[in-house]
């Protein structure tokens, strides 16, 4: 990151932009909220039952959220279960603070986990 008076460096800005873009849809915000509040993995059918959109739409939104790792996918046989990625949820407010030039609150290490990580 650049100094506090200048803009964010491009790689950081790009990463944060993908996070904000992923949450720029009300259904995706509902899905993230649902998974965070449930605190357990849910399958697509369970998610569809809670939000007012169809299965294919929920699946597409889950794909977007998984690409930025807000949600993680667990395969169980032929079923996929989605759970919130607690690291991303913990880091998102810090990202917003950093973009606005405010000091980030104390948070855990906010490196986004890679595919092989257990988060």
C-alpha atoms as a PDB file:
ATOM      1  CA  UNK A   1       0.000   0.000   0.000  1.00  0.00           C
ATOM      2  CA  UNK A   2       1.083   3.569  -0.631  1.00  0.00           C
ATOM      3  CA  UNK A   3       1.416   6.165   2.039  1.00  0.00           C
ATOM      4  CA  UNK A   4      -1.754   7.359   3.740  1.00  0.00           C
ATOM      5  CA  UNK A   5      -1.932  10.555   1.634  1.00  0.00           C
ATOM      6  CA  UNK A   6      -1.883   8.794  -1.749  1.00  0.00           C
ATOM      7  CA  UNK A   7      -4.187   6.221  -3.283  1.00  0.00           C
ATOM      8  CA  UNK A   8      -3.992   2.511  -2.607  1.00  0.00           C
ATOM      9  CA  UNK A   9      -1.541   0.587  -4.708  1.00  0.00           C
ATOM     10  CA  UNK A  10      -3.115  -1.010  -7.783  1.00  0.00           C
ATOM     11  CA  UNK A  11      -2.989  -4.682  -6.661  1.00  0.00           C
ATOM     12  CA  UNK A  12      -4.683  -3.866  -3.335  1.00  0.00           C
ATOM     13  CA  UNK A  13      -7.278  -1.672  -5.043  1.00  0.00           C
ATOM     14  CA  UNK A  14      -7.981  -4.427  -7.570  1.00  0.00           C
ATOM     15  CA  UNK A  15      -8.444  -7.051  -4.863  1.00  0.00           C
ATOM     16  CA  UNK A  16     -10.769  -4.848  -2.825  1.00  0.00           C
ATOM     17  CA  UNK A  17     -12.748  -3.891  -5.941  1.00  0.00           C
ATOM     18  CA  UNK A  18     -13.503  -7.566  -6.590  1.00  0.00           C
ATOM     19  CA  UNK A  19     -14.764  -7.898  -3.013  1.00  0.00           C
ATOM     20  CA  UNK A  20     -17.010  -4.848  -3.306  1.00  0.00           C
ATOM     21  CA  UNK A  21     -18.250  -5.940  -6.740  1.00  0.00           C
ATOM     22  CA  UNK A  22     -19.176  -9.367  -5.379  1.00  0.00           C
ATOM     23  CA  UNK A  23     -21.385  -7.685  -2.773  1.00  0.00           C
ATOM     24  CA  UNK A  24     -22.918  -5.200  -5.215  1.00  0.00           C
ATOM     25  CA  UNK A  25     -26.033  -7.352  -5.613  1.00  0.00           C
ATOM     26  CA  UNK A  26     -28.778  -7.590  -2.982  1.00  0.00           C
ATOM     27  CA  UNK A  27     -29.220 -11.347  -3.434  1.00  0.00           C
ATOM     28  CA  UNK A  28     -25.522 -11.957  -2.843  1.00  0.00           C
ATOM     29  CA  UNK A  29     -25.684  -9.814   0.287  1.00  0.00           C
ATOM     30  CA  UNK A  30     -28.664 -11.912   1.431  1.00  0.00           C
ATOM     31  CA  UNK A  31     -26.748 -15.146   0.776  1.00  0.00           C
ATOM     32  CA  UNK A  32     -23.669 -13.945   2.674  1.00  0.00           C
ATOM     33  CA  UNK A  33     -25.880 -12.787   5.534  1.00  0.00           C
ATOM     34  CA  UNK A  34     -27.773 -16.088   5.616  1.00  0.00           C
ATOM     35  CA  UNK A  35     -24.636 -18.225   5.632  1.00  0.00           C
ATOM     36  CA  UNK A  36     -22.974 -16.046   8.280  1.00  0.00           C
ATOM     37  CA  UNK A  37     -26.030 -16.137  10.534  1.00  0.00           C
ATOM     38  CA  UNK A  38     -26.659 -19.868  10.091  1.00  0.00           C
ATOM     39  CA  UNK A  39     -23.079 -20.693  11.009  1.00  0.00           C
ATOM     40  CA  UNK A  40     -23.231 -24.024   9.192  1.00  0.00           C
ATOM     41  CA  UNK A  41     -22.809 -25.269   5.638  1.00  0.00           C
ATOM     42  CA  UNK A  42     -25.987 -25.139   3.549  1.00  0.00           C
ATOM     43  CA  UNK A  43     -26.855 -26.699   0.218  1.00  0.00           C
ATOM     44  CA  UNK A  44     -28.334 -24.743  -2.678  1.00  0.00           C
ATOM     45  CA  UNK A  45     -31.850 -25.977  -1.954  1.00  0.00           C
ATOM     46  CA  UNK A  46     -31.716 -24.690   1.617  1.00  0.00           C
ATOM     47  CA  UNK A  47     -30.463 -21.321   0.397  1.00  0.00           C
ATOM     48  CA  UNK A  48     -33.160 -21.116  -2.310  1.00  0.00           C
ATOM     49  CA  UNK A  49     -35.791 -21.723   0.390  1.00  0.00           C
ATOM     50  CA  UNK A  50     -34.553 -18.631   2.263  1.00  0.00           C
ATOM     51  CA  UNK A  51     -34.103 -16.115  -0.570  1.00  0.00           C
ATOM     52  CA  UNK A  52     -36.711 -15.078  -3.108  1.00  0.00           C
ATOM     53  CA  UNK A  53     -34.964 -16.274  -6.288  1.00  0.00           C
ATOM     54  CA  UNK A  54     -34.670 -19.513  -8.220  1.00  0.00           C
ATOM     55  CA  UNK A  55     -32.098 -22.277  -7.977  1.00  0.00           C
ATOM     56  CA  UNK A  56     -30.106 -21.312 -11.071  1.00  0.00           C
ATOM     57  CA  UNK A  57     -29.865 -17.707  -9.880  1.00  0.00           C
ATOM     58  CA  UNK A  58     -28.689 -18.779  -6.427  1.00  0.00           C
ATOM     59  CA  UNK A  59     -26.131 -21.103  -8.024  1.00  0.00           C
ATOM     60  CA  UNK A  60     -24.792 -18.257 -10.163  1.00  0.00           C
ATOM     61  CA  UNK A  61     -24.541 -15.949  -7.160  1.00  0.00           C
ATOM     62  CA  UNK A  62     -22.765 -18.650  -5.144  1.00  0.00           C
ATOM     63  CA  UNK A  63     -20.265 -19.024  -7.973  1.00  0.00           C
ATOM     64  CA  UNK A  64     -19.460 -15.285  -7.833  1.00  0.00           C
ATOM     65  CA  UNK A  65     -19.128 -15.379  -4.051  1.00  0.00           C
ATOM     66  CA  UNK A  66     -16.905 -18.460  -4.206  1.00  0.00           C
ATOM     67  CA  UNK A  67     -14.625 -16.817  -6.790  1.00  0.00           C
ATOM     68  CA  UNK A  68     -13.737 -14.085  -4.293  1.00  0.00           C
ATOM     69  CA  UNK A  69     -13.774 -16.629  -1.462  1.00  0.00           C
ATOM     70  CA  UNK A  70     -16.555 -15.041   0.580  1.00  0.00           C
ATOM     71  CA  UNK A  71     -18.050 -18.533   0.572  1.00  0.00           C
ATOM     72  CA  UNK A  72     -16.291 -21.875   0.572  1.00  0.00           C
ATOM     73  CA  UNK A  73     -17.629 -25.044  -1.067  1.00  0.00           C
ATOM     74  CA  UNK A  74     -17.595 -28.447   0.574  1.00  0.00           C
ATOM     75  CA  UNK A  75     -18.360 -31.442  -1.629  1.00  0.00           C
ATOM     76  CA  UNK A  76     -20.277 -34.283   0.025  1.00  0.00           C
ATOM     77  CA  UNK A  77     -20.851 -37.013  -2.507  1.00  0.00           C
ATOM     78  CA  UNK A  78     -22.745 -35.352  -5.338  1.00  0.00           C
ATOM     79  CA  UNK A  79     -23.970 -32.445  -3.192  1.00  0.00           C
ATOM     80  CA  UNK A  80     -22.231 -29.122  -2.643  1.00  0.00           C
ATOM     81  CA  UNK A  81     -22.526 -27.307   0.655  1.00  0.00           C
ATOM     82  CA  UNK A  82     -21.614 -23.649   1.039  1.00  0.00           C
ATOM     83  CA  UNK A  83     -20.325 -21.946   4.158  1.00  0.00           C
ATOM     84  CA  UNK A  84     -19.163 -18.473   4.954  1.00  0.00           C
ATOM     85  CA  UNK A  85     -15.428 -17.837   4.839  1.00  0.00           C
ATOM     86  CA  UNK A  86     -14.895 -16.293   8.270  1.00  0.00           C
ATOM     87  CA  UNK A  87     -11.538 -14.809   7.230  1.00  0.00           C
ATOM     88  CA  UNK A  88     -13.189 -12.728   4.501  1.00  0.00           C
ATOM     89  CA  UNK A  89     -16.023 -11.644   6.764  1.00  0.00           C
ATOM     90  CA  UNK A  90     -13.525 -10.563   9.415  1.00  0.00           C
ATOM     91  CA  UNK A  91     -11.423  -8.662   6.872  1.00  0.00           C
ATOM     92  CA  UNK A  92     -14.127  -6.929   4.855  1.00  0.00           C
ATOM     93  CA  UNK A  93     -14.694  -4.035   7.299  1.00  0.00           C
ATOM     94  CA  UNK A  94     -10.944  -3.473   7.363  1.00  0.00           C
ATOM     95  CA  UNK A  95     -10.898  -3.256   3.573  1.00  0.00           C
ATOM     96  CA  UNK A  96     -13.597  -0.583   3.661  1.00  0.00           C
ATOM     97  CA  UNK A  97     -11.668   1.404   6.274  1.00  0.00           C
ATOM     98  CA  UNK A  98      -8.432   1.139   4.305  1.00  0.00           C
ATOM     99  CA  UNK A  99     -10.108   2.310   1.085  1.00  0.00           C
ATOM    100  CA  UNK A 100     -11.490   5.345   2.930  1.00  0.00           C
ATOM    101  CA  UNK A 101      -8.091   6.164   4.424  1.00  0.00           C
ATOM    102  CA  UNK A 102      -9.156   5.330   7.986  1.00  0.00           C
ATOM    103  CA  UNK A 103      -7.065   3.171  10.281  1.00  0.00           C
ATOM    104  CA  UNK A 104      -8.150  -0.428   9.985  1.00  0.00           C
ATOM    105  CA  UNK A 105      -9.492  -1.966  13.175  1.00  0.00           C
ATOM    106  CA  UNK A 106      -7.404  -4.707  14.715  1.00  0.00           C
ATOM    107  CA  UNK A 107      -8.264  -7.888  12.834  1.00  0.00           C
ATOM    108  CA  UNK A 108      -6.750 -11.284  12.232  1.00  0.00           C
ATOM    109  CA  UNK A 109      -4.381 -11.739   9.321  1.00  0.00           C
ATOM    110  CA  UNK A 110      -6.484 -10.677   6.354  1.00  0.00           C
ATOM    111  CA  UNK A 111      -4.663 -12.541   3.642  1.00  0.00           C
ATOM    112  CA  UNK A 112      -7.284 -14.220   1.485  1.00  0.00           C
ATOM    113  CA  UNK A 113      -6.761 -17.980   1.744  1.00  0.00           C
ATOM    114  CA  UNK A 114      -5.849 -19.894  -1.362  1.00  0.00           C
ATOM    115  CA  UNK A 115      -7.543 -23.017  -2.722  1.00  0.00           C
ATOM    116  CA  UNK A 116      -5.567 -25.430  -0.554  1.00  0.00           C
ATOM    117  CA  UNK A 117      -6.204 -23.630   2.735  1.00  0.00           C
ATOM    118  CA  UNK A 118      -8.569 -25.176   5.249  1.00  0.00           C
ATOM    119  CA  UNK A 119     -10.586 -21.997   5.749  1.00  0.00           C
END
